[in-house]
């Protein structure tokens, strides 16, 4: 999970249909979508069902931003919409599927990790 999104954003239903490989449906009070973003990381438009885009998250579990605005300049694709850095799509039943990462670099504790 993301440090910037302190709670779960998606889950497969306990009593509903679980889809192997899917990260599940969005949880209540949280919005999740696949979106087209430009080269600077800013929102262009939502993706159609089945179309891969950048996964954006919005809700009460998403932090409001870093104290130093320069540090978090690229964190939000649109006001309140956290750029997860994940690529994926939503199917027509509302399940989300991850297909990769927008960047092939993870920074953890100041260390660059190549996945």
PDB file of N, CA and C in Angstrom:
ATOM      1  N   UNK A   1       0.807  -1.183   0.000  1.00  0.00           N
ATOM      2  CA  UNK A   1       0.000   0.000   0.000  1.00  0.00           C
ATOM      3  C   UNK A   1       0.857   1.257   0.000  1.00  0.00           C
ATOM      4  N   UNK A   2       0.205   2.354  -0.169  1.00  0.00           N
ATOM      5  CA  UNK A   2       0.868   3.654  -0.210  1.00  0.00           C
ATOM      6  C   UNK A   2       0.878   4.304   1.165  1.00  0.00           C
ATOM      7  N   UNK A   3       1.950   4.965   1.497  1.00  0.00           N
ATOM      8  CA  UNK A   3       1.988   5.763   2.709  1.00  0.00           C
ATOM      9  C   UNK A   3       0.993   6.909   2.594  1.00  0.00           C
ATOM     10  N   UNK A   4       0.840   7.458   1.396  1.00  0.00           N
ATOM     11  CA  UNK A   4      -0.031   8.604   1.167  1.00  0.00           C
ATOM     12  C   UNK A   4      -1.521   8.250   1.205  1.00  0.00           C
ATOM     13  N   UNK A   5      -1.845   6.987   1.057  1.00  0.00           N
ATOM     14  CA  UNK A   5      -3.227   6.509   1.175  1.00  0.00           C
ATOM     15  C   UNK A   5      -3.248   5.539   2.355  1.00  0.00           C
ATOM     16  N   UNK A   6      -3.602   6.060   3.498  1.00  0.00           N
ATOM     17  CA  UNK A   6      -3.394   5.325   4.753  1.00  0.00           C
ATOM     18  C   UNK A   6      -4.328   4.143   4.965  1.00  0.00           C
ATOM     19  N   UNK A   7      -5.359   4.016   4.147  1.00  0.00           N
ATOM     20  CA  UNK A   7      -6.277   2.892   4.295  1.00  0.00           C
ATOM     21  C   UNK A   7      -6.404   2.152   2.979  1.00  0.00           C
ATOM     22  N   UNK A   8      -7.085   1.050   3.019  1.00  0.00           N
ATOM     23  CA  UNK A   8      -7.327   0.250   1.825  1.00  0.00           C
ATOM     24  C   UNK A   8      -8.222   1.040   0.868  1.00  0.00           C
ATOM     25  N   UNK A   9      -7.929   0.986  -0.409  1.00  0.00           N
ATOM     26  CA  UNK A   9      -8.760   1.659  -1.402  1.00  0.00           C
ATOM     27  C   UNK A   9      -9.616   0.656  -2.185  1.00  0.00           C
ATOM     28  N   UNK A  10      -9.134  -0.557  -2.313  1.00  0.00           N
ATOM     29  CA  UNK A  10      -9.844  -1.599  -3.056  1.00  0.00           C
ATOM     30  C   UNK A  10      -9.760  -2.912  -2.293  1.00  0.00           C
ATOM     31  N   UNK A  11     -10.769  -3.755  -2.481  1.00  0.00           N
ATOM     32  CA  UNK A  11     -10.748  -5.093  -1.897  1.00  0.00           C
ATOM     33  C   UNK A  11     -11.740  -5.974  -2.645  1.00  0.00           C
ATOM     34  N   UNK A  12     -11.428  -7.252  -2.726  1.00  0.00           N
ATOM     35  CA  UNK A  12     -12.389  -8.199  -3.264  1.00  0.00           C
ATOM     36  C   UNK A  12     -13.440  -8.456  -2.194  1.00  0.00           C
ATOM     37  N   UNK A  13     -14.709  -8.552  -2.568  1.00  0.00           N
ATOM     38  CA  UNK A  13     -15.774  -8.705  -1.573  1.00  0.00           C
ATOM     39  C   UNK A  13     -15.663 -10.017  -0.801  1.00  0.00           C
ATOM     40  N   UNK A  14     -15.977  -9.948   0.477  1.00  0.00           N
ATOM     41  CA  UNK A  14     -15.917 -11.140   1.332  1.00  0.00           C
ATOM     42  C   UNK A  14     -16.969 -12.153   0.894  1.00  0.00           C
ATOM     43  N   UNK A  15     -18.186 -11.680   0.669  1.00  0.00           N
ATOM     44  CA  UNK A  15     -19.283 -12.580   0.318  1.00  0.00           C
ATOM     45  C   UNK A  15     -19.641 -12.560  -1.164  1.00  0.00           C
ATOM     46  N   UNK A  16     -19.006 -11.673  -1.925  1.00  0.00           N
ATOM     47  CA  UNK A  16     -19.320 -11.556  -3.342  1.00  0.00           C
ATOM     48  C   UNK A  16     -18.333 -12.314  -4.200  1.00  0.00           C
ATOM     49  N   UNK A  17     -18.381 -12.034  -5.484  1.00  0.00           N
ATOM     50  CA  UNK A  17     -17.496 -12.695  -6.429  1.00  0.00           C
ATOM     51  C   UNK A  17     -16.073 -12.164  -6.300  1.00  0.00           C
ATOM     52  N   UNK A  18     -15.140 -13.060  -6.097  1.00  0.00           N
ATOM     53  CA  UNK A  18     -13.723 -12.698  -6.066  1.00  0.00           C
ATOM     54  C   UNK A  18     -13.141 -13.026  -7.434  1.00  0.00           C
ATOM     55  N   UNK A  19     -12.390 -12.082  -7.960  1.00  0.00           N
ATOM     56  CA  UNK A  19     -11.795 -12.298  -9.276  1.00  0.00           C
ATOM     57  C   UNK A  19     -10.282 -12.411  -9.111  1.00  0.00           C
ATOM     58  N   UNK A  20      -9.778 -13.592  -9.378  1.00  0.00           N
ATOM     59  CA  UNK A  20      -8.349 -13.862  -9.207  1.00  0.00           C
ATOM     60  C   UNK A  20      -7.544 -12.903 -10.061  1.00  0.00           C
ATOM     61  N   UNK A  21      -6.591 -12.226  -9.445  1.00  0.00           N
ATOM     62  CA  UNK A  21      -5.734 -11.276 -10.150  1.00  0.00           C
ATOM     63  C   UNK A  21      -6.200  -9.842 -10.033  1.00  0.00           C
ATOM     64  N   UNK A  22      -7.457  -9.635  -9.627  1.00  0.00           N
ATOM     65  CA  UNK A  22      -7.989  -8.287  -9.475  1.00  0.00           C
ATOM     66  C   UNK A  22      -7.697  -7.766  -8.071  1.00  0.00           C
ATOM     67  N   UNK A  23      -7.539  -6.434  -7.947  1.00  0.00           N
ATOM     68  CA  UNK A  23      -7.396  -5.841  -6.616  1.00  0.00           C
ATOM     69  C   UNK A  23      -8.774  -5.544  -6.034  1.00  0.00           C
ATOM     70  N   UNK A  24      -9.826  -5.855  -6.767  1.00  0.00           N
ATOM     71  CA  UNK A  24     -11.182  -5.779  -6.257  1.00  0.00           C
ATOM     72  C   UNK A  24     -11.916  -4.498  -6.599  1.00  0.00           C
ATOM     73  N   UNK A  25     -12.978  -4.269  -5.833  1.00  0.00           N
ATOM     74  CA  UNK A  25     -13.837  -3.103  -5.988  1.00  0.00           C
ATOM     75  C   UNK A  25     -13.355  -1.992  -5.078  1.00  0.00           C
ATOM     76  N   UNK A  26     -13.699  -0.757  -5.391  1.00  0.00           N
ATOM     77  CA  UNK A  26     -13.336   0.335  -4.486  1.00  0.00           C
ATOM     78  C   UNK A  26     -14.113   0.162  -3.195  1.00  0.00           C
ATOM     79  N   UNK A  27     -13.538   0.584  -2.082  1.00  0.00           N
ATOM     80  CA  UNK A  27     -14.218   0.489  -0.797  1.00  0.00           C
ATOM     81  C   UNK A  27     -15.121   1.719  -0.609  1.00  0.00           C
ATOM     82  N   UNK A  28     -16.132   1.623   0.256  1.00  0.00           N
ATOM     83  CA  UNK A  28     -17.024   2.765   0.483  1.00  0.00           C
ATOM     84  C   UNK A  28     -16.260   4.030   0.879  1.00  0.00           C
ATOM     85  N   UNK A  29     -16.775   5.164   0.456  1.00  0.00           N
ATOM     86  CA  UNK A  29     -16.247   6.503   0.745  1.00  0.00           C
ATOM     87  C   UNK A  29     -14.923   6.791   0.048  1.00  0.00           C
ATOM     88  N   UNK A  30     -14.473   5.906  -0.816  1.00  0.00           N
ATOM     89  CA  UNK A  30     -13.234   6.109  -1.560  1.00  0.00           C
ATOM     90  C   UNK A  30     -13.556   6.061  -3.045  1.00  0.00           C
ATOM     91  N   UNK A  31     -12.964   6.980  -3.780  1.00  0.00           N
ATOM     92  CA  UNK A  31     -13.123   6.987  -5.229  1.00  0.00           C
ATOM     93  C   UNK A  31     -11.815   6.501  -5.852  1.00  0.00           C
ATOM     94  N   UNK A  32     -11.920   5.670  -6.847  1.00  0.00           N
ATOM     95  CA  UNK A  32     -10.758   5.142  -7.564  1.00  0.00           C
ATOM     96  C   UNK A  32     -11.108   5.163  -9.043  1.00  0.00           C
ATOM     97  N   UNK A  33     -10.145   5.561  -9.867  1.00  0.00           N
ATOM     98  CA  UNK A  33     -10.389   5.549 -11.307  1.00  0.00           C
ATOM     99  C   UNK A  33      -9.081   5.387 -12.056  1.00  0.00           C
ATOM    100  N   UNK A  34      -9.200   4.905 -13.277  1.00  0.00           N
ATOM    101  CA  UNK A  34      -8.079   4.880 -14.212  1.00  0.00           C
ATOM    102  C   UNK A  34      -8.225   6.129 -15.064  1.00  0.00           C
ATOM    103  N   UNK A  35      -7.129   6.872 -15.207  1.00  0.00           N
ATOM    104  CA  UNK A  35      -7.214   8.148 -15.925  1.00  0.00           C
ATOM    105  C   UNK A  35      -6.025   8.342 -16.850  1.00  0.00           C
ATOM    106  N   UNK A  36      -6.245   9.159 -17.857  1.00  0.00           N
ATOM    107  CA  UNK A  36      -5.156   9.596 -18.732  1.00  0.00           C
ATOM    108  C   UNK A  36      -4.518  10.807 -18.065  1.00  0.00           C
ATOM    109  N   UNK A  37      -3.216  10.784 -17.955  1.00  0.00           N
ATOM    110  CA  UNK A  37      -2.494  11.938 -17.418  1.00  0.00           C
ATOM    111  C   UNK A  37      -1.431  12.349 -18.429  1.00  0.00           C
ATOM    112  N   UNK A  38      -1.029  13.625 -18.372  1.00  0.00           N
ATOM    113  CA  UNK A  38      -0.034  14.103 -19.333  1.00  0.00           C
ATOM    114  C   UNK A  38       1.382  13.827 -18.832  1.00  0.00           C
ATOM    115  N   UNK A  39       2.372  14.265 -19.578  1.00  0.00           N
ATOM    116  CA  UNK A  39       3.784  14.010 -19.249  1.00  0.00           C
ATOM    117  C   UNK A  39       4.208  14.658 -17.930  1.00  0.00           C
ATOM    118  N   UNK A  40       3.469  15.667 -17.488  1.00  0.00           N
ATOM    119  CA  UNK A  40       3.807  16.319 -16.210  1.00  0.00           C
ATOM    120  C   UNK A  40       3.043  15.700 -15.047  1.00  0.00           C
ATOM    121  N   UNK A  41       2.217  14.672 -15.326  1.00  0.00           N
ATOM    122  CA  UNK A  41       1.464  13.998 -14.273  1.00  0.00           C
ATOM    123  C   UNK A  41       0.123  14.617 -13.962  1.00  0.00           C
ATOM    124  N   UNK A  42      -0.353  15.517 -14.796  1.00  0.00           N
ATOM    125  CA  UNK A  42      -1.632  16.181 -14.565  1.00  0.00           C
ATOM    126  C   UNK A  42      -2.767  15.471 -15.306  1.00  0.00           C
ATOM    127  N   UNK A  43      -3.932  15.481 -14.701  1.00  0.00           N
ATOM    128  CA  UNK A  43      -5.125  14.816 -15.206  1.00  0.00           C
ATOM    129  C   UNK A  43      -5.570  15.381 -16.558  1.00  0.00           C
ATOM    130  N   UNK A  44      -5.895  14.472 -17.482  1.00  0.00           N
ATOM    131  CA  UNK A  44      -6.467  14.855 -18.772  1.00  0.00           C
ATOM    132  C   UNK A  44      -7.940  14.435 -18.807  1.00  0.00           C
ATOM    133  N   UNK A  45      -8.191  13.127 -18.611  1.00  0.00           N
ATOM    134  CA  UNK A  45      -9.562  12.619 -18.647  1.00  0.00           C
ATOM    135  C   UNK A  45      -9.609  11.210 -18.065  1.00  0.00           C
ATOM    136  N   UNK A  46     -10.822  10.760 -17.767  1.00  0.00           N
ATOM    137  CA  UNK A  46     -11.010   9.389 -17.290  1.00  0.00           C
ATOM    138  C   UNK A  46     -10.827   8.418 -18.452  1.00  0.00           C
ATOM    139  N   UNK A  47     -10.416   7.209 -18.132  1.00  0.00           N
ATOM    140  CA  UNK A  47     -10.321   6.144 -19.129  1.00  0.00           C
ATOM    141  C   UNK A  47     -11.672   5.444 -19.245  1.00  0.00           C
ATOM    142  N   UNK A  48     -11.912   4.827 -20.374  1.00  0.00           N
ATOM    143  CA  UNK A  48     -13.106   4.003 -20.570  1.00  0.00           C
ATOM    144  C   UNK A  48     -12.895   2.665 -19.855  1.00  0.00           C
ATOM    145  N   UNK A  49     -13.978   1.940 -19.599  1.00  0.00           N
ATOM    146  CA  UNK A  49     -13.835   0.608 -19.014  1.00  0.00           C
ATOM    147  C   UNK A  49     -12.914  -0.232 -19.886  1.00  0.00           C
ATOM    148  N   UNK A  50     -11.983  -0.934 -19.272  1.00  0.00           N
ATOM    149  CA  UNK A  50     -11.056  -1.788 -19.998  1.00  0.00           C
ATOM    150  C   UNK A  50      -9.845  -1.076 -20.565  1.00  0.00           C
ATOM    151  N   UNK A  51      -9.820   0.239 -20.485  1.00  0.00           N
ATOM    152  CA  UNK A  51      -8.691   1.022 -21.004  1.00  0.00           C
ATOM    153  C   UNK A  51      -7.678   1.268 -19.881  1.00  0.00           C
ATOM    154  N   UNK A  52      -6.433   0.930 -20.123  1.00  0.00           N
ATOM    155  CA  UNK A  52      -5.387   1.107 -19.112  1.00  0.00           C
ATOM    156  C   UNK A  52      -4.995   2.574 -18.986  1.00  0.00           C
ATOM    157  N   UNK A  53      -4.872   2.993 -17.747  1.00  0.00           N
ATOM    158  CA  UNK A  53      -4.446   4.355 -17.428  1.00  0.00           C
ATOM    159  C   UNK A  53      -3.767   4.362 -16.068  1.00  0.00           C
ATOM    160  N   UNK A  54      -3.504   5.523 -15.552  1.00  0.00           N
ATOM    161  CA  UNK A  54      -2.904   5.672 -14.226  1.00  0.00           C
ATOM    162  C   UNK A  54      -4.007   5.597 -13.182  1.00  0.00           C
ATOM    163  N   UNK A  55      -3.791   4.817 -12.135  1.00  0.00           N
ATOM    164  CA  UNK A  55      -4.788   4.668 -11.077  1.00  0.00           C
ATOM    165  C   UNK A  55      -4.709   5.878 -10.144  1.00  0.00           C
ATOM    166  N   UNK A  56      -5.841   6.569  -9.993  1.00  0.00           N
ATOM    167  CA  UNK A  56      -5.956   7.722  -9.108  1.00  0.00           C
ATOM    168  C   UNK A  56      -6.908   7.377  -7.969  1.00  0.00           C
ATOM    169  N   UNK A  57      -6.614   7.887  -6.775  1.00  0.00           N
ATOM    170  CA  UNK A  57      -7.391   7.580  -5.576  1.00  0.00           C
ATOM    171  C   UNK A  57      -7.772   8.878  -4.873  1.00  0.00           C
ATOM    172  N   UNK A  58      -9.019   8.945  -4.390  1.00  0.00           N
ATOM    173  CA  UNK A  58      -9.500  10.111  -3.653  1.00  0.00           C
ATOM    174  C   UNK A  58     -10.406   9.633  -2.529  1.00  0.00           C
ATOM    175  N   UNK A  59     -10.241  10.173  -1.337  1.00  0.00           N
ATOM    176  CA  UNK A  59     -11.116   9.785  -0.244  1.00  0.00           C
ATOM    177  C   UNK A  59     -10.558  10.185   1.103  1.00  0.00           C
ATOM    178  N   UNK A  60     -11.261   9.821   2.176  1.00  0.00           N
ATOM    179  CA  UNK A  60     -10.852  10.239   3.510  1.00  0.00           C
ATOM    180  C   UNK A  60      -9.520   9.643   3.966  1.00  0.00           C
ATOM    181  N   UNK A  61      -9.081   8.542   3.355  1.00  0.00           N
ATOM    182  CA  UNK A  61      -7.808   7.927   3.733  1.00  0.00           C
ATOM    183  C   UNK A  61      -6.607   8.476   2.987  1.00  0.00           C
ATOM    184  N   UNK A  62      -6.843   9.384   2.051  1.00  0.00           N
ATOM    185  CA  UNK A  62      -5.749   9.975   1.271  1.00  0.00           C
ATOM    186  C   UNK A  62      -5.276  11.239   1.979  1.00  0.00           C
ATOM    187  N   UNK A  63      -3.977  11.346   2.159  1.00  0.00           N
ATOM    188  CA  UNK A  63      -3.443  12.511   2.859  1.00  0.00           C
ATOM    189  C   UNK A  63      -3.638  13.780   2.043  1.00  0.00           C
ATOM    190  N   UNK A  64      -3.580  14.924   2.712  1.00  0.00           N
ATOM    191  CA  UNK A  64      -3.869  16.204   2.046  1.00  0.00           C
ATOM    192  C   UNK A  64      -2.660  16.778   1.314  1.00  0.00           C
ATOM    193  N   UNK A  65      -1.477  16.254   1.584  1.00  0.00           N
ATOM    194  CA  UNK A  65      -0.279  16.738   0.905  1.00  0.00           C
ATOM    195  C   UNK A  65       0.890  16.846   1.855  1.00  0.00           C
ATOM    196  N   UNK A  66       2.053  17.037   1.301  1.00  0.00           N
ATOM    197  CA  UNK A  66       3.268  17.194   2.091  1.00  0.00           C
ATOM    198  C   UNK A  66       3.371  18.618   2.622  1.00  0.00           C
ATOM    199  N   UNK A  67       4.055  18.765   3.748  1.00  0.00           N
ATOM    200  CA  UNK A  67       4.277  20.103   4.303  1.00  0.00           C
ATOM    201  C   UNK A  67       5.009  20.986   3.308  1.00  0.00           C
ATOM    202  N   UNK A  68       6.027  20.429   2.690  1.00  0.00           N
ATOM    203  CA  UNK A  68       6.799  21.144   1.680  1.00  0.00           C
ATOM    204  C   UNK A  68       6.134  20.894   0.324  1.00  0.00           C
ATOM    205  N   UNK A  69       5.444  21.894  -0.203  1.00  0.00           N
ATOM    206  CA  UNK A  69       4.704  21.720  -1.457  1.00  0.00           C
ATOM    207  C   UNK A  69       5.588  21.266  -2.611  1.00  0.00           C
ATOM    208  N   UNK A  70       6.849  21.677  -2.622  1.00  0.00           N
ATOM    209  CA  UNK A  70       7.759  21.285  -3.702  1.00  0.00           C
ATOM    210  C   UNK A  70       7.980  19.770  -3.694  1.00  0.00           C
ATOM    211  N   UNK A  71       7.972  19.152  -2.511  1.00  0.00           N
ATOM    212  CA  UNK A  71       8.169  17.710  -2.400  1.00  0.00           C
ATOM    213  C   UNK A  71       7.021  16.949  -3.044  1.00  0.00           C
ATOM    214  N   UNK A  72       5.806  17.462  -2.900  1.00  0.00           N
ATOM    215  CA  UNK A  72       4.644  16.757  -3.389  1.00  0.00           C
ATOM    216  C   UNK A  72       4.060  17.303  -4.667  1.00  0.00           C
ATOM    217  N   UNK A  73       4.846  18.034  -5.408  1.00  0.00           N
ATOM    218  CA  UNK A  73       4.357  18.673  -6.631  1.00  0.00           C
ATOM    219  C   UNK A  73       3.697  17.684  -7.590  1.00  0.00           C
ATOM    220  N   UNK A  74       4.245  16.498  -7.720  1.00  0.00           N
ATOM    221  CA  UNK A  74       3.736  15.524  -8.685  1.00  0.00           C
ATOM    222  C   UNK A  74       2.847  14.452  -8.060  1.00  0.00           C
ATOM    223  N   UNK A  75       2.461  14.629  -6.802  1.00  0.00           N
ATOM    224  CA  UNK A  75       1.694  13.610  -6.102  1.00  0.00           C
ATOM    225  C   UNK A  75       0.224  13.592  -6.515  1.00  0.00           C
ATOM    226  N   UNK A  76      -0.342  14.757  -6.787  1.00  0.00           N
ATOM    227  CA  UNK A  76      -1.755  14.847  -7.141  1.00  0.00           C
ATOM    228  C   UNK A  76      -1.915  15.176  -8.623  1.00  0.00           C
ATOM    229  N   UNK A  77      -2.705  14.350  -9.319  1.00  0.00           N
ATOM    230  CA  UNK A  77      -2.956  14.572 -10.743  1.00  0.00           C
ATOM    231  C   UNK A  77      -4.014  15.655 -10.938  1.00  0.00           C
ATOM    232  N   UNK A  78      -4.888  15.790  -9.957  1.00  0.00           N
ATOM    233  CA  UNK A  78      -5.942  16.810  -9.924  1.00  0.00           C
ATOM    234  C   UNK A  78      -6.242  17.050  -8.449  1.00  0.00           C
ATOM    235  N   UNK A  79      -6.882  18.150  -8.093  1.00  0.00           N
ATOM    236  CA  UNK A  79      -7.136  18.422  -6.676  1.00  0.00           C
ATOM    237  C   UNK A  79      -7.797  17.248  -5.952  1.00  0.00           C
ATOM    238  N   UNK A  80      -7.102  16.719  -4.939  1.00  0.00           N
ATOM    239  CA  UNK A  80      -7.606  15.608  -4.143  1.00  0.00           C
ATOM    240  C   UNK A  80      -7.365  14.229  -4.714  1.00  0.00           C
ATOM    241  N   UNK A  81      -6.956  14.140  -5.976  1.00  0.00           N
ATOM    242  CA  UNK A  81      -6.746  12.849  -6.642  1.00  0.00           C
ATOM    243  C   UNK A  81      -5.273  12.445  -6.586  1.00  0.00           C
ATOM    244  N   UNK A  82      -4.960  11.483  -5.729  1.00  0.00           N
ATOM    245  CA  UNK A  82      -3.601  10.975  -5.552  1.00  0.00           C
ATOM    246  C   UNK A  82      -3.204  10.094  -6.733  1.00  0.00           C
ATOM    247  N   UNK A  83      -2.054  10.373  -7.309  1.00  0.00           N
ATOM    248  CA  UNK A  83      -1.490   9.541  -8.374  1.00  0.00           C
ATOM    249  C   UNK A  83      -0.778   8.381  -7.691  1.00  0.00           C
ATOM    250  N   UNK A  84      -1.314   7.176  -7.823  1.00  0.00           N
ATOM    251  CA  UNK A  84      -0.736   6.001  -7.150  1.00  0.00           C
ATOM    252  C   UNK A  84       0.572   5.547  -7.792  1.00  0.00           C
ATOM    253  N   UNK A  85       0.795   5.932  -9.047  1.00  0.00           N
ATOM    254  CA  UNK A  85       1.964   5.447  -9.776  1.00  0.00           C
ATOM    255  C   UNK A  85       1.726   4.088 -10.418  1.00  0.00           C
ATOM    256  N   UNK A  86       0.549   3.507 -10.157  1.00  0.00           N
ATOM    257  CA  UNK A  86       0.203   2.219 -10.745  1.00  0.00           C
ATOM    258  C   UNK A  86      -0.560   2.420 -12.044  1.00  0.00           C
ATOM    259  N   UNK A  87      -0.375   1.497 -12.962  1.00  0.00           N
ATOM    260  CA  UNK A  87      -1.152   1.472 -14.194  1.00  0.00           C
ATOM    261  C   UNK A  87      -2.178   0.355 -14.075  1.00  0.00           C
ATOM    262  N   UNK A  88      -3.363   0.597 -14.589  1.00  0.00           N
ATOM    263  CA  UNK A  88      -4.385  -0.435 -14.521  1.00  0.00           C
ATOM    264  C   UNK A  88      -5.657   0.035 -15.168  1.00  0.00           C
ATOM    265  N   UNK A  89      -6.700  -0.774 -15.030  1.00  0.00           N
ATOM    266  CA  UNK A  89      -7.989  -0.450 -15.628  1.00  0.00           C
ATOM    267  C   UNK A  89      -9.117  -0.956 -14.738  1.00  0.00           C
ATOM    268  N   UNK A  90     -10.301  -0.441 -15.015  1.00  0.00           N
ATOM    269  CA  UNK A  90     -11.511  -0.888 -14.332  1.00  0.00           C
ATOM    270  C   UNK A  90     -12.370  -1.615 -15.353  1.00  0.00           C
ATOM    271  N   UNK A  91     -12.857  -2.807 -14.985  1.00  0.00           N
ATOM    272  CA  UNK A  91     -13.741  -3.504 -15.915  1.00  0.00           C
ATOM    273  C   UNK A  91     -15.174  -2.989 -15.751  1.00  0.00           C
ATOM    274  N   UNK A  92     -16.070  -3.439 -16.596  1.00  0.00           N
ATOM    275  CA  UNK A  92     -17.440  -2.911 -16.600  1.00  0.00           C
ATOM    276  C   UNK A  92     -18.236  -3.299 -15.352  1.00  0.00           C
ATOM    277  N   UNK A  93     -17.723  -4.224 -14.552  1.00  0.00           N
ATOM    278  CA  UNK A  93     -18.376  -4.606 -13.297  1.00  0.00           C
ATOM    279  C   UNK A  93     -17.812  -3.845 -12.099  1.00  0.00           C
ATOM    280  N   UNK A  94     -16.822  -2.970 -12.346  1.00  0.00           N
ATOM    281  CA  UNK A  94     -16.262  -2.158 -11.271  1.00  0.00           C
ATOM    282  C   UNK A  94     -14.999  -2.706 -10.637  1.00  0.00           C
ATOM    283  N   UNK A  95     -14.536  -3.869 -11.056  1.00  0.00           N
ATOM    284  CA  UNK A  95     -13.301  -4.444 -10.516  1.00  0.00           C
ATOM    285  C   UNK A  95     -12.093  -3.769 -11.162  1.00  0.00           C
ATOM    286  N   UNK A  96     -11.047  -3.568 -10.360  1.00  0.00           N
ATOM    287  CA  UNK A  96      -9.819  -2.947 -10.853  1.00  0.00           C
ATOM    288  C   UNK A  96      -8.730  -3.998 -11.029  1.00  0.00           C
ATOM    289  N   UNK A  97      -7.923  -3.784 -12.047  1.00  0.00           N
ATOM    290  CA  UNK A  97      -6.835  -4.697 -12.414  1.00  0.00           C
ATOM    291  C   UNK A  97      -5.572  -3.878 -12.617  1.00  0.00           C
ATOM    292  N   UNK A  98      -4.476  -4.274 -11.983  1.00  0.00           N
ATOM    293  CA  UNK A  98      -3.198  -3.582 -12.175  1.00  0.00           C
ATOM    294  C   UNK A  98      -2.432  -4.242 -13.305  1.00  0.00           C
ATOM    295  N   UNK A  99      -1.795  -3.412 -14.127  1.00  0.00           N
ATOM    296  CA  UNK A  99      -1.040  -3.917 -15.273  1.00  0.00           C
ATOM    297  C   UNK A  99       0.432  -3.550 -15.232  1.00  0.00           C
ATOM    298  N   UNK A 100       0.832  -2.674 -14.315  1.00  0.00           N
ATOM    299  CA  UNK A 100       2.234  -2.279 -14.234  1.00  0.00           C
ATOM    300  C   UNK A 100       2.412  -1.006 -13.428  1.00  0.00           C
ATOM    301  N   UNK A 101       3.583  -0.420 -13.577  1.00  0.00           N
ATOM    302  CA  UNK A 101       3.927   0.817 -12.899  1.00  0.00           C
ATOM    303  C   UNK A 101       4.218   1.890 -13.939  1.00  0.00           C
ATOM    304  N   UNK A 102       3.884   3.139 -13.598  1.00  0.00           N
ATOM    305  CA  UNK A 102       4.145   4.252 -14.511  1.00  0.00           C
ATOM    306  C   UNK A 102       5.644   4.485 -14.653  1.00  0.00           C
ATOM    307  N   UNK A 103       6.377   4.291 -13.567  1.00  0.00           N
ATOM    308  CA  UNK A 103       7.837   4.440 -13.581  1.00  0.00           C
ATOM    309  C   UNK A 103       8.434   3.170 -13.009  1.00  0.00           C
ATOM    310  N   UNK A 104       9.511   2.712 -13.587  1.00  0.00           N
ATOM    311  CA  UNK A 104      10.156   1.505 -13.087  1.00  0.00           C
ATOM    312  C   UNK A 104      11.198   1.831 -12.030  1.00  0.00           C
ATOM    313  N   UNK A 105      10.783   2.617 -11.034  1.00  0.00           N
ATOM    314  CA  UNK A 105      11.679   2.951  -9.938  1.00  0.00           C
ATOM    315  C   UNK A 105      10.851   3.198  -8.692  1.00  0.00           C
ATOM    316  N   UNK A 106      11.223   2.538  -7.608  1.00  0.00           N
ATOM    317  CA  UNK A 106      10.569   2.748  -6.326  1.00  0.00           C
ATOM    318  C   UNK A 106      11.599   3.383  -5.404  1.00  0.00           C
ATOM    319  N   UNK A 107      11.204   4.467  -4.739  1.00  0.00           N
ATOM    320  CA  UNK A 107      12.102   5.117  -3.787  1.00  0.00           C
ATOM    321  C   UNK A 107      11.599   4.800  -2.398  1.00  0.00           C
ATOM    322  N   UNK A 108      12.413   4.106  -1.597  1.00  0.00           N
ATOM    323  CA  UNK A 108      12.026   3.713  -0.243  1.00  0.00           C
ATOM    324  C   UNK A 108      13.143   4.077   0.700  1.00  0.00           C
ATOM    325  N   UNK A 109      12.831   4.923   1.660  1.00  0.00           N
ATOM    326  CA  UNK A 109      13.827   5.309   2.653  1.00  0.00           C
ATOM    327  C   UNK A 109      15.059   5.940   2.033  1.00  0.00           C
ATOM    328  N   UNK A 110      14.874   6.650   0.935  1.00  0.00           N
ATOM    329  CA  UNK A 110      16.002   7.309   0.275  1.00  0.00           C
ATOM    330  C   UNK A 110      16.787   6.384  -0.650  1.00  0.00           C
ATOM    331  N   UNK A 111      16.361   5.134  -0.753  1.00  0.00           N
ATOM    332  CA  UNK A 111      17.047   4.180  -1.637  1.00  0.00           C
ATOM    333  C   UNK A 111      16.220   3.980  -2.904  1.00  0.00           C
ATOM    334  N   UNK A 112      16.890   3.944  -4.033  1.00  0.00           N
ATOM    335  CA  UNK A 112      16.213   3.681  -5.310  1.00  0.00           C
ATOM    336  C   UNK A 112      16.200   2.182  -5.547  1.00  0.00           C
ATOM    337  N   UNK A 113      15.007   1.632  -5.773  1.00  0.00           N
ATOM    338  CA  UNK A 113      14.845   0.202  -5.973  1.00  0.00           C
ATOM    339  C   UNK A 113      14.268  -0.023  -7.364  1.00  0.00           C
ATOM    340  N   UNK A 114      14.933  -0.854  -8.139  1.00  0.00           N
ATOM    341  CA  UNK A 114      14.455  -1.185  -9.472  1.00  0.00           C
ATOM    342  C   UNK A 114      13.608  -2.454  -9.368  1.00  0.00           C
ATOM    343  N   UNK A 115      12.279  -2.354  -9.595  1.00  0.00           N
ATOM    344  CA  UNK A 115      11.433  -3.539  -9.433  1.00  0.00           C
ATOM    345  C   UNK A 115      11.733  -4.572 -10.511  1.00  0.00           C
TER     346      UNK A 115
END
